[in-house]
Protein backbone atom coordinates (compact mmCIF):
# COMPACT_ATOMS: atom_id res chain seq x y z
CA UNK A 1 120.86 30.66 159.52
CA UNK A 2 120.87 34.15 159.71
CA UNK A 3 123.90 36.41 160.20
CA UNK A 4 124.25 39.25 162.62
CA UNK A 5 123.89 41.74 159.22
CA UNK A 6 120.04 40.63 159.21
CA UNK A 7 120.78 38.90 156.35
CA UNK A 8 120.74 35.26 155.12
CA UNK A 9 124.08 33.67 155.48
CA UNK A 10 125.44 32.15 151.58
CA UNK A 11 123.35 29.11 150.81
CA UNK A 12 126.12 25.82 150.98
CA UNK A 13 124.74 23.71 148.72
CA UNK A 14 125.97 21.03 145.79
CA UNK A 15 124.61 21.16 142.08
CA UNK A 16 122.42 17.95 142.30
CA UNK A 17 121.22 19.49 145.37
CA UNK A 18 120.18 22.90 143.81
CA UNK A 19 118.69 21.02 141.11
CA UNK A 20 116.63 18.71 143.26
CA UNK A 21 115.36 22.77 144.84
CA UNK A 22 114.45 23.95 141.64
CA UNK A 23 112.11 21.32 140.22
CA UNK A 24 110.22 21.54 144.30
CA UNK A 25 110.32 25.73 143.56
CA UNK A 26 109.15 24.98 140.28
CA UNK A 27 105.23 23.68 142.07
CA UNK A 28 105.69 26.74 144.72
CA UNK A 29 104.67 29.03 142.20
CA UNK A 30 105.13 32.83 142.13
CA UNK A 31 105.15 32.97 145.92
CA UNK A 32 107.80 30.56 146.66
CA UNK A 33 110.15 31.92 144.05
CA UNK A 34 109.69 35.24 145.42
CA UNK A 35 110.82 33.66 148.61
CA UNK A 36 113.76 32.58 147.42
CA UNK A 37 115.13 35.26 145.17
CA UNK A 38 116.39 36.74 147.93
CA UNK A 39 118.42 34.34 149.30
CA UNK A 40 120.20 33.61 145.57
CA UNK A 41 120.84 37.48 145.38
CA UNK A 42 122.65 37.77 148.95
CA UNK A 43 124.60 34.71 148.00
CA UNK A 44 125.97 36.28 145.05
CA UNK A 45 126.41 39.92 147.02
CA UNK A 46 127.95 38.59 150.02
CA UNK A 47 130.84 37.68 147.81
CA UNK A 48 131.43 41.18 146.79
CA UNK A 49 130.78 42.74 150.54
CA UNK A 50 133.25 42.66 153.41
CA UNK A 51 131.66 42.19 156.60
CA UNK A 52 134.11 44.02 159.48
CA UNK A 53 133.17 44.18 162.94
CA UNK A 54 135.17 46.52 165.06
CA UNK A 55 135.31 47.50 168.27
CA UNK A 56 134.62 51.31 167.84
CA UNK A 57 133.53 53.07 164.85
CA UNK A 58 134.25 56.66 164.01
CA UNK A 59 132.68 59.31 166.15
CA UNK A 60 133.17 61.55 162.84
CA UNK A 61 133.62 61.32 159.39
CA UNK A 62 136.18 64.66 159.20
CA UNK A 63 139.50 63.72 160.29
CA UNK A 64 141.13 66.67 160.40
CA UNK A 65 138.03 67.57 163.29
CA UNK A 66 138.73 68.07 166.64
CA UNK A 67 138.64 65.13 168.98
CA UNK A 68 137.98 62.41 165.63
CA UNK A 69 139.23 59.07 166.64
CA UNK A 70 141.45 56.42 165.00
CA UNK A 71 138.64 54.93 162.63
CA UNK A 72 138.22 57.83 160.99
CA UNK A 73 141.41 57.78 159.50
CA UNK A 74 140.10 54.87 157.74
CA UNK A 75 137.30 57.03 156.32
CA UNK A 76 139.57 59.50 155.22
CA UNK A 77 141.51 56.72 153.48
CA UNK A 78 139.07 54.99 151.53
CA UNK A 79 136.63 57.75 150.51
CA UNK A 80 139.30 60.98 150.10
CA UNK A 81 142.22 60.69 147.58
CA UNK A 82 145.58 62.24 148.33
CA UNK A 83 147.88 63.70 145.61
CA UNK A 84 150.48 60.76 146.35
CA UNK A 85 150.34 57.63 147.87
CA UNK A 86 153.06 54.65 148.70
CA UNK A 87 154.07 51.83 146.56
CA UNK A 88 153.83 48.10 148.11
CA UNK A 89 156.15 45.91 149.53
CA UNK A 90 155.83 42.45 150.54
CA UNK A 91 157.30 41.18 154.20
CA UNK A 92 159.21 38.42 154.61
CA UNK A 93 156.12 36.37 155.97
CA UNK A 94 154.41 37.22 152.74
CA UNK A 95 151.82 40.18 154.52
CA UNK A 96 151.65 43.09 151.80
CA UNK A 97 152.79 46.16 153.34
CA UNK A 98 153.39 50.08 152.64
CA UNK A 99 156.89 50.73 151.21
CA UNK A 100 158.35 53.45 153.30
CA UNK A 101 160.79 54.62 150.92
CA UNK A 102 158.72 54.81 148.06
CA UNK A 103 155.91 57.00 146.58
CA UNK A 104 153.36 56.00 143.97
CA UNK A 105 150.69 57.90 142.03
CA UNK A 106 147.21 58.35 143.46
CA UNK A 107 145.20 62.03 142.43
CA UNK A 108 148.36 63.12 140.76
CA UNK A 109 149.50 61.34 137.97
CA UNK A 110 153.14 62.83 137.97
CA UNK A 111 155.40 64.63 140.25
CA UNK A 112 158.69 66.60 139.20
CA UNK A 113 160.82 68.36 141.88
CA UNK A 114 162.43 71.35 140.45
CA UNK A 115 166.14 71.08 139.91
CA UNK A 116 166.67 74.08 142.55
CA UNK A 117 164.84 71.46 145.31
CA UNK A 118 162.57 74.25 146.19
CA UNK A 119 159.10 73.01 144.65
CA UNK A 120 157.12 70.07 143.32
CA UNK A 121 154.77 70.46 140.48
CA UNK A 122 151.95 67.72 140.35
CA UNK A 123 150.01 66.97 137.22
CA UNK A 124 146.36 66.22 138.10
CA UNK A 125 144.35 63.23 136.46
CA UNK A 126 142.48 64.64 134.01
CA UNK A 127 139.37 62.56 134.52
CA UNK A 128 138.91 62.53 138.18
CA UNK A 129 135.64 63.17 139.53
CA UNK A 130 134.15 63.51 143.17
CA UNK A 131 131.40 61.44 144.25
CA UNK A 132 128.81 64.04 143.36
CA UNK A 133 130.34 64.11 139.56
CA UNK A 134 131.95 67.37 139.96
CA UNK A 135 135.11 67.17 138.38
CA UNK A 136 138.76 67.54 140.39
CA UNK A 137 141.01 70.30 140.07
CA UNK A 138 143.83 71.88 141.62
CA UNK A 139 141.74 74.80 143.47
CA UNK A 140 140.13 71.65 145.44
CA UNK A 141 143.38 70.50 146.04
CA UNK A 142 144.80 74.23 147.16
CA UNK A 143 141.28 74.10 149.30
CA UNK A 144 142.49 71.66 151.02
CA UNK A 145 145.66 71.80 151.89
CA UNK A 146 144.83 75.55 152.87
CA UNK A 147 142.11 73.48 155.13
CA UNK A 148 145.35 71.20 156.21
CA UNK A 149 147.70 73.91 157.90
CA UNK A 150 145.06 76.24 159.02
CA UNK A 151 142.04 74.46 160.89
CA UNK A 152 144.88 74.06 163.51
CA UNK A 153 145.43 71.08 165.47
CA UNK A 154 146.86 67.68 165.16
CA UNK A 155 146.36 68.59 161.32
CA UNK A 156 148.09 71.65 161.11
CA UNK A 157 151.56 70.07 163.58
CA UNK A 158 151.40 66.75 161.26
CA UNK A 159 151.64 69.19 158.01
CA UNK A 160 154.34 71.22 159.68
CA UNK A 161 156.23 68.00 160.66
CA UNK A 162 157.09 67.90 156.56
CA UNK A 163 157.53 71.53 156.49
CA UNK A 164 153.82 72.27 155.10
CA UNK A 165 152.84 76.00 156.93
CA UNK A 166 151.12 78.02 155.25
CA UNK A 167 148.85 78.72 152.32
CA UNK A 168 151.65 80.84 149.94
CA UNK A 169 153.17 77.90 149.52
CA UNK A 170 150.30 76.40 147.51
CA UNK A 171 149.88 77.09 144.02
CA UNK A 172 147.00 76.70 141.64
CA UNK A 173 149.18 76.62 137.99
CA UNK A 174 146.14 75.83 135.59
CA UNK A 175 143.25 73.73 136.69
CA UNK A 176 144.96 70.25 136.37
CA UNK A 177 148.69 71.78 137.66
CA UNK A 178 149.52 72.34 141.24
CA UNK A 179 152.40 73.18 143.02
CA UNK A 180 154.37 72.91 146.62
CA UNK A 181 156.77 75.86 146.94
CA UNK A 182 159.18 74.75 149.78
CA UNK A 183 160.13 77.06 152.72
CA UNK A 184 163.09 74.76 153.36
CA UNK A 185 164.33 72.08 151.84
CA UNK A 186 162.80 68.50 153.94
CA UNK A 187 163.28 65.03 153.03
CA UNK A 188 160.03 64.57 154.80
CA UNK A 189 157.71 67.10 152.71
CA UNK A 190 156.93 64.75 149.64
CA UNK A 191 156.26 61.53 152.36
CA UNK A 192 153.74 63.83 154.36
CA UNK A 193 152.08 64.64 151.25
CA UNK A 194 150.77 61.11 151.46
CA UNK A 195 149.72 60.77 154.52
CA UNK A 196 146.02 60.80 156.00
CA UNK A 197 146.23 64.77 156.74
CA UNK A 198 146.22 66.15 153.02
CA UNK A 199 143.24 64.79 152.15
CA UNK A 200 141.55 66.60 148.58
CA UNK A 201 137.79 67.49 149.45
CA UNK A 202 135.03 68.85 147.45
CA UNK A 203 136.01 72.41 147.75
CA UNK A 204 132.64 73.63 146.34
CA UNK A 205 130.48 71.54 148.11
CA UNK A 206 132.18 71.80 151.30
CA UNK A 207 132.11 76.37 150.83
CA UNK A 208 128.46 76.11 150.20
CA UNK A 209 128.26 74.71 153.76
CA UNK A 210 130.37 76.66 155.51
CA UNK A 211 129.84 80.20 157.09
CA UNK A 212 131.86 82.77 158.54
CA UNK A 213 132.61 81.57 162.13
CA UNK A 214 133.46 78.15 160.39
CA UNK A 215 134.69 78.78 156.86
CA UNK A 216 136.43 75.43 156.76
CA UNK A 217 133.01 73.51 157.26
CA UNK A 218 134.13 71.81 160.06
CA UNK A 219 130.06 71.41 161.69
CA UNK A 220 129.24 70.33 158.04
CA UNK A 221 132.23 67.86 157.34
CA UNK A 222 131.91 66.07 160.35
CA UNK A 223 128.53 64.88 159.63
CA UNK A 224 128.64 64.60 155.83
CA UNK A 225 131.69 63.36 153.35
CA UNK A 226 132.48 65.35 149.86
CA UNK A 227 135.11 62.52 148.78
CA UNK A 228 136.11 61.17 145.47
CA UNK A 229 137.93 58.09 146.68
CA UNK A 230 137.47 54.56 146.05
CA UNK A 231 134.53 54.59 148.38
CA UNK A 232 131.57 56.36 148.82
CA UNK A 233 129.29 56.52 152.33
CA UNK A 234 126.05 55.12 151.57
CA UNK A 235 125.45 55.50 155.66
CA UNK A 236 126.60 56.13 158.64
CA UNK A 237 125.03 55.65 162.24
CA UNK A 238 127.23 56.60 164.93
CA UNK A 239 127.70 53.70 167.49
CA UNK A 240 126.23 51.15 165.39
CA UNK A 241 127.54 50.50 161.81
CA UNK A 242 129.29 52.54 158.50
CA UNK A 243 128.21 51.14 155.34
CA UNK A 244 130.95 51.91 152.38
CA UNK A 245 129.74 51.12 148.61
CA UNK A 246 132.39 51.48 145.63
CA UNK A 247 132.36 54.59 143.62
CA UNK A 248 132.68 53.45 139.90
CA UNK A 249 134.08 56.57 138.59
CA UNK A 250 137.26 56.33 140.54
CA UNK A 251 140.50 56.96 138.63
CA UNK A 252 143.19 56.96 141.29
CA UNK A 253 143.95 53.11 140.87
CA UNK A 254 142.61 50.02 140.13
CA UNK A 255 138.52 49.75 140.85
CA UNK A 256 138.53 47.65 144.19
CA UNK A 257 136.79 44.35 143.74
CA UNK A 258 134.71 44.65 146.87
CA UNK A 259 131.59 46.45 145.86
CA UNK A 260 130.48 47.22 149.88
CA UNK A 261 132.01 47.23 153.27
CA UNK A 262 129.57 47.07 156.01
CA UNK A 263 131.82 47.89 159.14
CA UNK A 264 129.84 47.26 162.10
CA UNK A 265 130.22 48.58 166.02
CA UNK A 266 130.75 45.59 168.20
CA UNK A 267 132.25 46.45 171.33
CA UNK A 268 132.41 42.95 172.89
CA UNK A 269 135.73 41.02 171.55
CA UNK A 270 133.70 37.51 172.81
CA UNK A 271 130.95 38.54 170.45
CA UNK A 272 133.46 39.62 167.15
CA UNK A 273 135.56 36.37 167.66
CA UNK A 274 132.62 33.59 167.53
CA UNK A 275 131.18 35.79 164.48
CA UNK A 276 134.92 35.29 163.52
CA UNK A 277 134.78 31.80 163.61
CA UNK A 278 131.68 31.50 162.62
CA UNK A 279 131.86 32.76 159.37
CA UNK A 280 129.61 35.64 159.98
CA UNK A 281 132.04 37.94 159.74
CA UNK A 282 135.28 38.49 157.56
CA UNK A 283 138.00 40.69 158.82
CA UNK A 284 138.33 41.97 162.72
CA UNK A 285 141.16 43.04 165.02
CA UNK A 286 141.45 44.78 168.16
CA UNK A 287 141.21 41.40 170.30
CA UNK A 288 143.26 40.88 173.38
CA UNK A 289 146.97 39.60 172.69
CA UNK A 290 145.78 36.40 174.42
CA UNK A 291 143.13 35.42 172.13
CA UNK A 292 145.10 36.17 169.39
CA UNK A 293 147.50 33.63 170.51
CA UNK A 294 144.33 31.18 170.56
CA UNK A 295 142.97 32.11 167.13
CA UNK A 296 146.82 31.68 165.64
CA UNK A 297 146.63 28.41 167.26
CA UNK A 298 143.40 27.16 166.48
CA UNK A 299 143.51 27.81 162.97
CA UNK A 300 139.89 28.58 162.07
CA UNK A 301 140.78 32.20 160.74
CA UNK A 302 144.25 33.50 159.62
CA UNK A 303 146.02 35.99 161.21
CA UNK A 304 148.49 38.88 160.23
CA UNK A 305 150.93 40.24 162.62
CA UNK A 306 153.37 43.43 161.91
CA UNK A 307 155.03 44.96 164.19
CA UNK A 308 154.20 48.83 163.94
CA UNK A 309 157.00 51.16 162.92
CA UNK A 310 158.19 53.82 164.60
CA UNK A 311 155.57 52.86 167.74
CA UNK A 312 156.07 51.98 171.39
CA UNK A 313 154.28 51.52 174.28
CA UNK A 314 155.80 53.29 177.11
CA UNK A 315 155.30 55.18 180.88
CA UNK A 316 155.36 58.70 179.99
CA UNK A 317 156.90 60.32 183.57
CA UNK A 318 155.84 64.09 183.38
CA UNK A 319 159.28 66.19 183.45
CA UNK A 320 157.74 69.73 183.86
CA UNK A 321 156.67 69.06 187.29
CA UNK A 322 158.16 67.41 190.80
CA UNK A 323 158.67 65.03 191.47
CA UNK A 324 159.44 63.42 187.63
CA UNK A 325 162.08 66.21 187.23
CA UNK A 326 164.60 65.10 189.02
CA UNK A 327 166.55 62.84 186.29
CA UNK A 328 167.70 60.19 188.89
CA UNK A 329 163.72 59.21 190.33
CA UNK A 330 163.35 58.62 186.43
CA UNK A 331 165.85 56.39 185.80
CA UNK A 332 165.33 54.37 189.19
CA UNK A 333 161.87 54.13 187.55
CA UNK A 334 162.65 52.86 184.16
CA UNK A 335 165.06 50.30 186.75
CA UNK A 336 162.34 49.26 188.12
CA UNK A 337 159.83 48.38 186.12
CA UNK A 338 158.85 44.72 185.31
CA UNK A 339 159.72 44.37 181.84
CA UNK A 340 159.50 40.68 181.26
CA UNK A 341 156.41 39.83 182.91
CA UNK A 342 154.49 42.82 181.46
CA UNK A 343 155.97 41.10 178.05
CA UNK A 344 154.41 37.36 178.80
CA UNK A 345 151.56 38.56 180.93
CA UNK A 346 149.94 41.12 179.24
CA UNK A 347 151.37 41.01 175.84
CA UNK A 348 151.38 37.44 175.46
CA UNK A 349 154.43 37.60 173.70
CA UNK A 350 152.69 39.97 170.88
CA UNK A 351 155.12 42.74 170.62
CA UNK A 352 159.12 43.40 170.55
CA UNK A 353 160.63 43.74 173.76
CA UNK A 354 162.13 47.28 173.97
CA UNK A 355 164.60 46.97 177.53
CA UNK A 356 168.03 45.01 177.77
CA UNK A 357 169.47 46.39 174.67
CA UNK A 358 173.15 47.50 174.71
CA UNK A 359 174.33 50.52 176.55
CA UNK A 360 175.58 52.53 173.86
CA UNK A 361 173.84 53.09 170.72
CA UNK A 362 175.91 51.71 167.73
CA UNK A 363 172.64 51.96 164.82
CA UNK A 364 170.95 55.08 163.80
CA UNK A 365 167.38 53.29 164.00
CA UNK A 366 164.49 53.56 166.37
CA UNK A 367 162.84 52.21 168.15
CA UNK A 368 165.61 50.05 169.93
CA UNK A 369 165.59 48.45 172.81
CA UNK A 370 166.97 50.91 175.81
CA UNK A 371 169.54 49.79 178.44
CA UNK A 372 167.26 49.38 181.35
CA UNK A 373 166.25 45.89 183.08
CA UNK A 374 164.64 44.86 185.99
CA UNK A 375 166.58 45.63 188.68
CA UNK A 376 165.56 46.93 192.01
CA UNK A 377 169.03 47.45 193.71
CA UNK A 378 169.95 49.74 191.32
CA UNK A 379 166.44 51.66 191.42
CA UNK A 380 166.88 51.90 195.05
CA UNK A 381 170.24 53.39 195.36
CA UNK A 382 168.98 55.97 192.37
CA UNK A 383 166.03 56.63 194.61
CA UNK A 384 168.21 57.49 197.38
CA UNK A 385 170.39 59.65 195.48
CA UNK A 386 167.71 61.61 194.26
CA UNK A 387 166.26 62.21 197.57
CA UNK A 388 163.41 60.13 197.53
CA UNK A 389 164.62 57.08 199.90
CA UNK A 390 161.64 56.71 202.19
CA UNK A 391 160.02 56.77 198.70
CA UNK A 392 156.42 59.24 197.86
CA UNK A 393 153.10 58.45 196.26
CA UNK A 394 151.96 59.73 192.46
CA UNK A 395 149.29 58.09 190.36
CA UNK A 396 149.33 55.82 187.10
CA UNK A 397 146.95 56.50 184.53
CA UNK A 398 146.00 54.38 181.65
CA UNK A 399 143.07 54.91 178.96
CA UNK A 400 140.22 52.64 179.92
CA UNK A 401 140.26 52.21 175.90
CA UNK A 402 143.53 50.03 175.86
CA UNK A 403 142.47 48.31 179.06
CA UNK A 404 142.85 44.92 177.72
CA UNK A 405 146.28 45.19 177.78
CA UNK A 406 147.07 48.61 179.90
CA UNK A 407 145.14 47.39 183.17
CA UNK A 408 147.43 44.23 183.16
CA UNK A 409 150.34 46.23 182.67
CA UNK A 410 149.59 48.99 184.81
CA UNK A 411 148.82 46.59 188.18
CA UNK A 412 152.48 44.85 187.65
CA UNK A 413 153.85 48.30 187.37
CA UNK A 414 152.07 49.07 190.48
CA UNK A 415 153.40 46.47 192.06
CA UNK A 416 156.98 46.61 191.12
CA UNK A 417 156.99 50.18 192.00
CA UNK A 418 155.77 49.25 195.26
CA UNK A 419 158.96 47.39 196.00
CA UNK A 420 161.21 50.35 195.73
CA UNK A 421 159.14 52.59 198.05
CA UNK A 422 156.68 54.26 195.46
CA UNK A 423 152.80 54.25 195.87
CA UNK A 424 151.13 54.84 192.56
CA UNK A 425 147.26 54.57 192.06
CA UNK A 426 145.95 53.75 189.14
CA UNK A 427 143.92 56.30 187.40
CA UNK A 428 141.72 54.76 184.93
CA UNK A 429 140.34 57.89 182.58
CA UNK A 430 137.61 56.90 180.11
CA UNK A 431 138.58 56.76 176.57
CA UNK A 432 136.89 59.32 175.01
CA UNK A 433 138.61 61.81 177.43
CA UNK A 434 141.90 60.83 176.92
CA UNK A 435 143.55 62.72 174.52
CA UNK A 436 142.40 65.91 175.78
CA UNK A 437 143.71 64.87 179.31
CA UNK A 438 146.69 63.85 177.97
CA UNK A 439 146.94 67.38 176.44
CA UNK A 440 146.88 69.17 179.43
CA UNK A 441 150.14 67.50 180.42
CA UNK A 442 149.31 67.50 184.20
CA UNK A 443 149.27 63.49 184.88
CA UNK A 444 152.47 62.69 186.82
CA UNK A 445 152.84 58.93 185.48
CA UNK A 446 151.16 58.05 181.90
CA UNK A 447 150.83 54.45 180.42
CA UNK A 448 150.75 55.11 176.62
CA UNK A 449 151.02 54.08 172.67
CA UNK A 450 152.37 56.46 170.26
CA UNK A 451 153.26 55.67 166.60
CA UNK A 452 154.49 57.67 164.32
CA UNK A 453 153.18 57.78 160.53
CA UNK A 454 156.48 58.75 159.03
CA UNK A 455 158.97 55.99 159.72
CA UNK A 456 162.07 58.47 160.42
CA UNK A 457 163.50 58.69 164.04
CA UNK A 458 163.74 61.90 163.79
CA UNK A 459 160.25 62.37 162.95
CA UNK A 460 158.99 60.54 166.23
CA UNK A 461 161.44 62.57 168.59
CA UNK A 462 160.38 65.90 166.66
CA UNK A 463 156.63 64.73 167.96
CA UNK A 464 157.49 63.39 171.54
CA UNK A 465 160.57 65.32 172.70
CA UNK A 466 161.21 68.63 170.79
CA UNK A 467 160.51 71.79 172.75
CA UNK A 468 157.89 73.08 170.32
CA UNK A 469 155.74 71.28 172.74
CA UNK A 470 153.35 69.13 170.59
CA UNK A 471 150.12 67.48 171.92
CA UNK A 472 151.99 64.27 172.12
CA UNK A 473 155.09 65.37 174.06
CA UNK A 474 152.73 64.08 177.41
CA UNK A 475 156.12 64.23 179.22
CA UNK A 476 156.64 67.69 178.64
CA UNK A 477 160.40 67.38 178.05
CA UNK A 478 162.47 70.22 176.86
CA UNK A 479 166.17 70.09 175.89
CA UNK A 480 167.50 72.67 173.97
CA UNK A 481 170.56 70.27 173.02
CA UNK A 482 167.32 67.36 172.25
CA UNK A 483 166.16 70.28 169.82
CA UNK A 484 169.04 70.59 168.04
CA UNK A 485 170.19 67.08 167.44
CA UNK A 486 166.65 66.26 166.05
CA UNK A 487 166.63 69.99 164.11
CA UNK A 488 169.87 68.66 162.28
CA UNK A 489 168.68 65.08 161.61
CA UNK A 490 165.66 66.43 160.08
CA UNK A 491 167.61 69.12 157.69
CA UNK A 492 170.95 67.79 156.87
CA UNK A 493 172.06 66.55 153.60
CA UNK A 494 175.05 64.94 154.99
CA UNK A 495 174.86 61.11 155.57
CA UNK A 496 177.24 60.83 158.41
CA UNK A 497 176.02 64.08 160.37
CA UNK A 498 172.68 62.47 160.24
CA UNK A 499 173.65 58.87 161.79
CA UNK A 500 175.63 61.04 164.60
CA UNK A 501 172.44 63.18 165.12
CA UNK A 502 170.50 60.27 165.40
CA UNK A 503 172.48 57.96 167.61
CA UNK A 504 173.26 61.09 169.69
CA UNK A 505 169.60 61.81 170.58
CA UNK A 506 168.82 58.48 171.25
CA UNK A 507 171.33 58.43 173.77
CA UNK A 508 170.44 61.58 175.47
CA UNK A 509 166.96 59.87 175.92
CA UNK A 510 168.41 56.65 177.22
CA UNK A 511 169.90 59.02 179.90
CA UNK A 512 167.19 61.62 180.71
CA UNK A 513 164.36 59.29 180.29
CA UNK A 514 161.30 61.42 179.31
CA UNK A 515 159.68 57.89 178.81
CA UNK A 516 160.15 54.17 179.86
CA UNK A 517 159.64 52.25 176.96
CA UNK A 518 157.80 48.99 177.08
CA UNK A 519 157.89 47.28 173.83
CA UNK A 520 157.05 47.92 170.43
CA UNK A 521 153.52 46.70 169.56
CA UNK A 522 152.08 44.42 166.82
CA UNK A 523 149.14 45.35 164.89
CA UNK A 524 147.33 41.98 164.58
CA UNK A 525 144.38 41.37 162.36
CA UNK A 526 142.24 38.30 162.06
CA UNK A 527 140.14 37.14 158.97
CA UNK A 528 138.73 34.89 156.97
CA UNK A 529 141.31 32.30 155.06
CA UNK A 530 139.48 33.27 151.53
CA UNK A 531 140.31 36.72 152.08
CA UNK A 532 143.17 38.04 150.10
CA UNK A 533 144.68 41.63 149.74
CA UNK A 534 145.04 42.69 152.97
CA UNK A 535 148.05 45.73 153.04
CA UNK A 536 149.30 46.43 156.46
CA UNK A 537 149.55 50.36 156.53
CA UNK A 538 151.10 52.98 158.68
CA UNK A 539 147.82 54.69 160.21
CA UNK A 540 146.63 50.72 161.12
CA UNK A 541 143.23 50.92 159.50
CA UNK A 542 141.90 48.89 156.77
CA UNK A 543 142.25 49.71 153.11
CA UNK A 544 139.04 48.15 151.57
CA UNK A 545 140.62 48.67 148.06
CA UNK A 546 143.16 46.33 147.99
CA UNK A 547 140.76 43.66 149.69
CA UNK A 548 139.26 40.54 147.57
CA UNK A 549 136.90 37.05 148.81
CA UNK A 550 138.03 34.37 147.08
């Protein structure tokens, strides 16, 4: 039976049956053998090929480009190196995961922080090459870091989260020695070097395709890859298929066992699930929680489910504009949310509840449950105190790309808010326009999900609730007290002061309610039982370097 790659599926035959077929083939002549050979080649090649079916493929090959989508992060991770990566650990359920507390070498085989703690020197692998055979040097690293801090938008803000702010910080010592000079001591700096953004580009190749108007070759790199990672792009058909092949000269880690990855865009979750359960695909994700619940029960394929660190589904309230600049109104919304219904009917339990927590913050951890539960009487009383006893009209916006859980969640919220006099129309915004619309910061209420790559409470709050008003602060929340607490937590070297600052800014968030947390999402991935090596990463994209097929 042909699979969805257009190739024949692997043959499943016994040795005796195969011997019989060989006898028959002996009488078929050259033509018969020629017809049979591709089937044998595919059967062998299938064991070294990973077939991934995904809802949405990459819209670019450059994750630093404007508007690049989630899937592009995975391309960057597999096709480019970074100086450092994270070490691995095993979670209690046996799932392999990155270790948020330990760094490991990648392009840099070693690194050393200066005695004064104000610089770090990296020794690069001398045998590292880009995909075109060009040796990797410290000049490529500097150009890549310069690009990340100068290109603007999300990449530049991400770099600043680790105090990586200007090209002058990045120094070429010699061809294989690179130094970062610190503008301040920041415990997140080296961990930020290991996230997706500061990937190392073949600078000479990129510069050949840059222009005066486009010095960072954004236009060219959107459609071309210039990396030296474990995989290189064989072909890319936007909206259809991406094919990666192993780069056999990769030196920054153990050579992957999977030689080829075919990632096919299949928008229909039902089709993806059928392909997976038939054995026509190896890996998929993005199913509805109800589907994952069924897949787990049926047991045809295996599922890895990991709560996403530093992540929340939440409703953001626009604190900069009436009526949600009123804190009592925001608190009323928090008491009116149908938390348990959302958890059971929209997420089918495939999320960690973030409601019904203690009134006092006792631990400096994030995320943690807010003290709110569904209490319509409290909500109505606060509506009256806020001056909205007769109710109000507003809109609740959601990304249609998350409609599987987003739409039932929005409907449940709409129904519950109506009980306290809030008439909320549901505004469905196409996924392609969602981030652009959020960045305008004009939506009154928005159902959204955010996850912070670095698993620190102050990192999450820096992005979402600091007055620097990053692109992810969609509540437009600004509070000098909050800023001071976040900044203190980021830079203090005193553990007790750090704990106090974190607990205080979480408590302030619970009181001011710029967002109403609903739950902590679980990242579910389904795969064939013979697949090993899946590793959960903060960016939630598959790391093909780790996979193996039994």
